[in-house]
Amino acid sequence: MQRRHLLLVLLVSLVAMGGCSMSTSPTSSSWTPPQPAAQTPNPDNVTPSPDGKPSPTAFSPPADGRPVIAINAAGTTLSLDPRLFGTNLPAWLGPDRLGNKDIRARTTALGSPLLRLPGGSWSSSYSWLACEMGDSKGCYWTWAAKPTDFLNFVRATGTQAMWTVSINGTSKEAAALVAFFNGAVNDTTLIGVDIRGQDWKTVGDWAKLRAKNGNPNPMPIKLWEVGNEVYGGKPDSGGSLCASWGWEDVWTCDGNEYMLGKGSGADRHEGYLEFRAAMRAVDPTILIGAVGVPHPGDWSGWGNKVIEKGGEDLDFYSIHFYPYSKQPESAADVLASPETIWKDVMDSTNAAFDKLANGRRVPVAITEYNLVAFQDLDNGQIMTQATNALFIADMIGQMAINGVTMANQWALANGKANNGTDYGLLSADGGGRTPQYYALKLWSQFGDTLLPVDSPLPNDSTLSVYAGRTKDGELSLLAINKTNAPLDVQLQIAGASGVLHASADIFTAKNLEATESSFNGVSNPASDLSDAPAKDLGTTVGVLDYTFTPYSITLIHLKP
């Protein structure tokens, strides 16, 4: 958000100068929202109940009255897109940080499969070609990361990338960037002259520039966005629909204009539909997202206009969400909030799709999220504390069960604000891991399928639980203990036959305010986490007794 990033510009120049293979299968051109997966055959005559929850008669409750958490491995499942575990990588980190071996190693170990580039509202002013060429006349931040720096980082860490093109540029300029990343050097496809008279030549010309700068082979970026938070434009440039406190340097705050464009001739501003057509002419397999809002009727009906005008040409719908615009009142409020956020957002969004897109449910991507929208108001530095790790872990789980397809935490690394808070999973200086790093790390090992799970413990205040399965059949349970007490439970697995080998990866902190934490009992593990292996819990057949540590995120693995 520009409200955050503008405040960072001065900080960046002072603190950050320059700047404040988990590879999944390639993205296809037919990306659909999560759907119920095929129901797993039901072994051992364990019968799921009609509502999909494990049968209460599958096992007897423990005599000592401990809570029972029941996984139904044979119940109706929901597919889980691994791109839900993405993050953002801003250009102001600069080439030195993107080349730092510890930051690269810790990004690889994180397992996050998707990095959004080049950095929120910076995309509105980031001239990719001028920055690639080091042209100070066209590149506002010549010290920032260049497209080649991003390309090298993505290759080195085994991730995929998503790029947000400038809405202030032209569609052919964006098409040339697609050619830079995705094109072949012998591709003679013409891009041509844009509305402002600049000749963007052929696809091969930009592929040759990529090769000249050290990358002869394409690195296809399959996910793109047109603009950042365009609805939040400044009123002096974006028009009458802009809020008086707008932050984004853009030319409109009208969803119709954003989709269809505005003006004519050399003064024209092109809209999403023109960008999409030009970019897909270079690579028809890419998917291009349009800027949305959490509730489509807000911001002068921005989201409704985007959905209606996008029609069949809307590949995905991008939302940014930070639940707090000021310092949260208490940690208890923070930890309870994910349970209500995402059902409300997705119900509102899907209702707009049903009404305005003839029921076509466009995939929803939460391309920015964290705790506090204005980092300068996070004076309690909650985003650097264990509270935020538990919050981020629960946010991902709630997005998953409510149908969000993809998400990008803000940010992999960011840089400290003057009040000491930081959005980053990693410190921009030195690459130290913050508590929230481990929330994404644990989810990246969870699997690609959600299973029904039943727990008597309150999700909002005590223990949140999510059950899943990996491609190789390993079952998983991710549990978030929000209390200061150990929680003794019995885990019961219905619908799974044979002996299971159990292990657990565990994030822990001494208290919610802690900025230091441990992973599998190690307070500062190696960059690749090799010295912090999962805890072996032995073998089990259907039942596992376990105690969840206070203020912890635990991922239990149950391997056949």
Foldseek 3Di string as FASTA:
>chain_A
DLLAVVLCPVVQVPCQVLGLLLADPDAFLDDDFKDWDDFDDFPPPQDDDPVQFGDPPLDDFDPVPAWEKEFENRGTWIFAFLQQLAAEAAQSLFLVLLPDPLLLLLLLLLSNAEYEDHHFLVLQQAQQVCLLVLPVVRGVRVRTDHPLSVVVSCVSSSHAYEYEHHLQDFLLSLLLVQLLQANALPFQAASAATLQGDGSGGSNVNLVVNVVVPDNHHHHHQHYEYHHQLLLDDCVAAHDLHDPPRRHPDRHNALLCQAQWDDDGNPTRGHPVSNLVSNCSNPVGHAYAYEAELACPPSVNNNLNNLQSCAPVHQAYEYEDAPAQAADPDLLCLLQPLVPPLLSSLVNNQVSCVVRRVNDDHAYEHAEYFHHPHVVRNLLLLLLWLSRLSNVLSNSVSCRVNTHRRYHYYHCEHHARPSGHGSHCAHSPPGAGWSNSVSSSLVSPQAGMWTDMDTPDDSSAAKDWTWGAHPVGKIKIKMFGAAQDKRKYKYFYRSDFDKWWKWKWKWADNDGSDRFIDIQPHGGADSSNPVRDTGTPGMDGGMDIDIHHHSMIMMMITHD
